Amino acid sequence: MCNCGQKRISLKTMEDSIYKNNVKYKLIADKPVVINGSVTGRTYIFREKGDINYVDRRDTGIFEKNKYLMKI
């Protein structure tokens, strides 16, 4: 009996866990925005209006203060 289905299920679960601790933010301004995460040090780049990035929850403090980004 093939266990291919089980492998697919576990892979999907792994993908879900990657985004589990992230929050989506969308650029609502017409100009690009670059933010360095205050905790992780990761650089988040929003190039054009409508761009969406997954942001680590630990870095969201600075994102909530930015008027050019919207949490979705």
N, C-alpha and C. Protein backbone atom coordinates (compact mmCIF):
# COMPACT_ATOMS: atom_id res chain seq x y z
N MET A 1 0.84 -1.18 0.00
CA MET A 1 0.00 0.00 0.00
C MET A 1 0.88 1.25 0.00
N CYS A 2 0.53 2.19 -0.80
CA CYS A 2 1.29 3.44 -0.92
C CYS A 2 0.94 4.41 0.21
N ASN A 3 1.93 5.07 0.72
CA ASN A 3 1.68 6.08 1.77
C ASN A 3 1.87 7.49 1.24
N CYS A 4 1.74 7.68 -0.06
CA CYS A 4 1.94 9.00 -0.68
C CYS A 4 1.03 10.06 -0.07
N GLY A 5 -0.20 9.70 0.22
CA GLY A 5 -1.14 10.64 0.81
C GLY A 5 -0.67 11.15 2.15
N GLN A 6 -0.06 10.30 2.94
CA GLN A 6 0.44 10.71 4.25
C GLN A 6 1.58 11.71 4.10
N LYS A 7 2.44 11.52 3.12
CA LYS A 7 3.53 12.46 2.90
C LYS A 7 2.99 13.83 2.53
N ARG A 8 1.99 13.87 1.70
CA ARG A 8 1.40 15.15 1.29
C ARG A 8 0.77 15.86 2.48
N ILE A 9 0.11 15.13 3.32
CA ILE A 9 -0.52 15.74 4.49
C ILE A 9 0.54 16.34 5.41
N SER A 10 1.61 15.61 5.66
CA SER A 10 2.64 16.13 6.57
C SER A 10 3.34 17.34 5.96
N LEU A 11 3.53 17.36 4.64
CA LEU A 11 4.15 18.51 4.00
C LEU A 11 3.26 19.73 4.13
N LYS A 12 1.96 19.58 3.93
CA LYS A 12 1.03 20.70 4.07
C LYS A 12 1.06 21.23 5.50
N THR A 13 1.11 20.34 6.46
CA THR A 13 1.18 20.76 7.87
C THR A 13 2.45 21.56 8.12
N MET A 14 3.55 21.16 7.52
CA MET A 14 4.80 21.91 7.68
C MET A 14 4.67 23.31 7.09
N GLU A 15 4.03 23.42 5.91
CA GLU A 15 3.85 24.74 5.29
C GLU A 15 2.99 25.63 6.18
N ASP A 16 1.94 25.09 6.75
CA ASP A 16 1.07 25.87 7.62
C ASP A 16 1.82 26.38 8.84
N SER A 17 2.73 25.57 9.38
CA SER A 17 3.47 26.00 10.57
C SER A 17 4.44 27.13 10.25
N ILE A 18 4.89 27.23 8.99
CA ILE A 18 5.78 28.32 8.59
C ILE A 18 5.07 29.66 8.75
N TYR A 19 3.80 29.70 8.36
CA TYR A 19 3.05 30.96 8.39
C TYR A 19 2.28 31.16 9.70
N LYS A 20 2.33 30.19 10.58
CA LYS A 20 1.58 30.24 11.83
C LYS A 20 1.98 31.44 12.69
N ASN A 21 3.25 31.76 12.73
CA ASN A 21 3.74 32.85 13.58
C ASN A 21 3.94 34.14 12.81
N ASN A 22 3.32 34.25 11.65
CA ASN A 22 3.46 35.44 10.82
C ASN A 22 2.13 36.16 10.66
N VAL A 23 2.22 37.44 10.39
CA VAL A 23 1.06 38.30 10.16
C VAL A 23 1.21 38.93 8.78
N LYS A 24 0.13 39.01 8.03
CA LYS A 24 0.18 39.61 6.70
C LYS A 24 -0.01 41.12 6.78
N TYR A 25 0.85 41.84 6.07
CA TYR A 25 0.71 43.29 5.95
C TYR A 25 0.71 43.66 4.48
N LYS A 26 -0.10 44.66 4.14
CA LYS A 26 -0.26 45.11 2.76
C LYS A 26 0.12 46.58 2.66
N LEU A 27 0.84 46.93 1.59
CA LEU A 27 1.21 48.32 1.35
C LEU A 27 0.02 49.06 0.74
N ILE A 28 -0.40 50.14 1.37
CA ILE A 28 -1.54 50.91 0.87
C ILE A 28 -1.12 52.26 0.31
N ALA A 29 0.17 52.56 0.36
CA ALA A 29 0.69 53.83 -0.17
C ALA A 29 1.22 53.63 -1.58
N ASP A 30 1.46 54.72 -2.26
CA ASP A 30 1.98 54.66 -3.62
C ASP A 30 3.51 54.62 -3.68
N LYS A 31 4.16 54.76 -2.53
CA LYS A 31 5.62 54.76 -2.53
C LYS A 31 6.14 53.53 -1.78
N PRO A 32 7.35 53.08 -2.13
CA PRO A 32 7.90 51.88 -1.49
C PRO A 32 8.24 52.11 -0.02
N VAL A 33 8.20 51.03 0.74
CA VAL A 33 8.52 51.08 2.17
C VAL A 33 9.46 49.92 2.48
N VAL A 34 10.52 50.22 3.23
CA VAL A 34 11.46 49.20 3.70
C VAL A 34 11.54 49.32 5.20
N ILE A 35 11.33 48.20 5.91
CA ILE A 35 11.36 48.21 7.37
C ILE A 35 12.26 47.08 7.84
N ASN A 36 13.13 47.38 8.79
CA ASN A 36 13.94 46.36 9.44
C ASN A 36 13.23 45.93 10.73
N GLY A 37 13.04 44.64 10.88
CA GLY A 37 12.38 44.13 12.08
C GLY A 37 13.18 44.44 13.32
N SER A 38 12.52 44.96 14.33
CA SER A 38 13.21 45.38 15.55
C SER A 38 13.70 44.19 16.38
N VAL A 39 13.06 43.04 16.26
CA VAL A 39 13.46 41.87 17.04
C VAL A 39 14.30 40.90 16.20
N THR A 40 13.81 40.55 15.02
CA THR A 40 14.49 39.55 14.19
C THR A 40 15.60 40.14 13.33
N GLY A 41 15.53 41.43 13.06
CA GLY A 41 16.51 42.07 12.18
C GLY A 41 16.25 41.82 10.71
N ARG A 42 15.18 41.14 10.41
CA ARG A 42 14.82 40.83 9.02
C ARG A 42 14.38 42.11 8.30
N THR A 43 14.70 42.21 7.02
CA THR A 43 14.31 43.35 6.20
C THR A 43 13.05 43.00 5.42
N TYR A 44 12.02 43.83 5.58
CA TYR A 44 10.75 43.64 4.88
C TYR A 44 10.63 44.74 3.83
N ILE A 45 10.47 44.34 2.57
CA ILE A 45 10.43 45.29 1.46
C ILE A 45 9.07 45.25 0.80
N PHE A 46 8.43 46.40 0.72
CA PHE A 46 7.17 46.58 0.01
C PHE A 46 7.48 47.53 -1.15
N ARG A 47 7.44 47.04 -2.37
CA ARG A 47 7.90 47.83 -3.52
C ARG A 47 6.81 48.69 -4.15
N GLU A 48 5.62 48.15 -4.28
CA GLU A 48 4.55 48.92 -4.93
C GLU A 48 3.22 48.66 -4.25
N LYS A 49 2.29 49.56 -4.48
CA LYS A 49 0.99 49.50 -3.83
C LYS A 49 0.35 48.13 -4.04
N GLY A 50 -0.12 47.54 -2.95
CA GLY A 50 -0.76 46.24 -3.00
C GLY A 50 0.16 45.08 -2.63
N ASP A 51 1.47 45.34 -2.52
CA ASP A 51 2.40 44.28 -2.12
C ASP A 51 2.04 43.75 -0.74
N ILE A 52 2.16 42.43 -0.58
CA ILE A 52 1.85 41.77 0.69
C ILE A 52 3.08 41.02 1.17
N ASN A 53 3.38 41.14 2.45
CA ASN A 53 4.49 40.41 3.08
C ASN A 53 3.99 39.73 4.34
N TYR A 54 4.58 38.58 4.62
CA TYR A 54 4.36 37.93 5.90
C TYR A 54 5.41 38.46 6.87
N VAL A 55 4.95 38.96 8.00
CA VAL A 55 5.83 39.58 8.99
C VAL A 55 5.82 38.73 10.26
N ASP A 56 7.00 38.47 10.77
CA ASP A 56 7.12 37.73 12.02
C ASP A 56 6.39 38.50 13.13
N ARG A 57 5.60 37.79 13.93
CA ARG A 57 4.81 38.44 14.99
C ARG A 57 5.67 39.28 15.93
N ARG A 58 6.89 38.88 16.13
CA ARG A 58 7.78 39.62 17.05
C ARG A 58 8.14 40.99 16.52
N ASP A 59 8.04 41.18 15.20
CA ASP A 59 8.39 42.46 14.58
C ASP A 59 7.19 43.38 14.34
N THR A 60 5.99 42.96 14.69
CA THR A 60 4.80 43.72 14.30
C THR A 60 4.64 45.06 15.00
N GLY A 61 5.31 45.29 16.10
CA GLY A 61 5.17 46.56 16.82
C GLY A 61 5.43 47.77 15.94
N ILE A 62 6.50 47.74 15.19
CA ILE A 62 6.85 48.86 14.32
C ILE A 62 5.90 48.96 13.12
N PHE A 63 5.35 47.85 12.69
CA PHE A 63 4.43 47.85 11.55
C PHE A 63 3.09 48.49 11.91
N GLU A 64 2.65 48.29 13.14
CA GLU A 64 1.38 48.87 13.58
C GLU A 64 1.42 50.39 13.63
N LYS A 65 2.60 50.95 13.78
CA LYS A 65 2.76 52.40 13.84
C LYS A 65 2.89 53.04 12.46
N ASN A 66 3.10 52.22 11.42
CA ASN A 66 3.33 52.74 10.07
C ASN A 66 2.00 52.97 9.37
N LYS A 67 1.75 54.21 8.94
CA LYS A 67 0.47 54.57 8.33
C LYS A 67 0.37 54.11 6.87
N TYR A 68 1.46 53.63 6.28
CA TYR A 68 1.46 53.19 4.89
C TYR A 68 1.17 51.69 4.75
N LEU A 69 1.07 50.98 5.88
CA LEU A 69 0.84 49.55 5.86
C LEU A 69 -0.46 49.21 6.59
N MET A 70 -1.12 48.15 6.11
CA MET A 70 -2.37 47.73 6.70
C MET A 70 -2.28 46.24 7.02
N LYS A 71 -2.69 45.86 8.21
CA LYS A 71 -2.72 44.45 8.62
C LYS A 71 -3.93 43.80 7.95
N ILE A 72 -3.71 42.64 7.32
CA ILE A 72 -4.84 41.94 6.67
C ILE A 72 -4.98 40.54 7.23
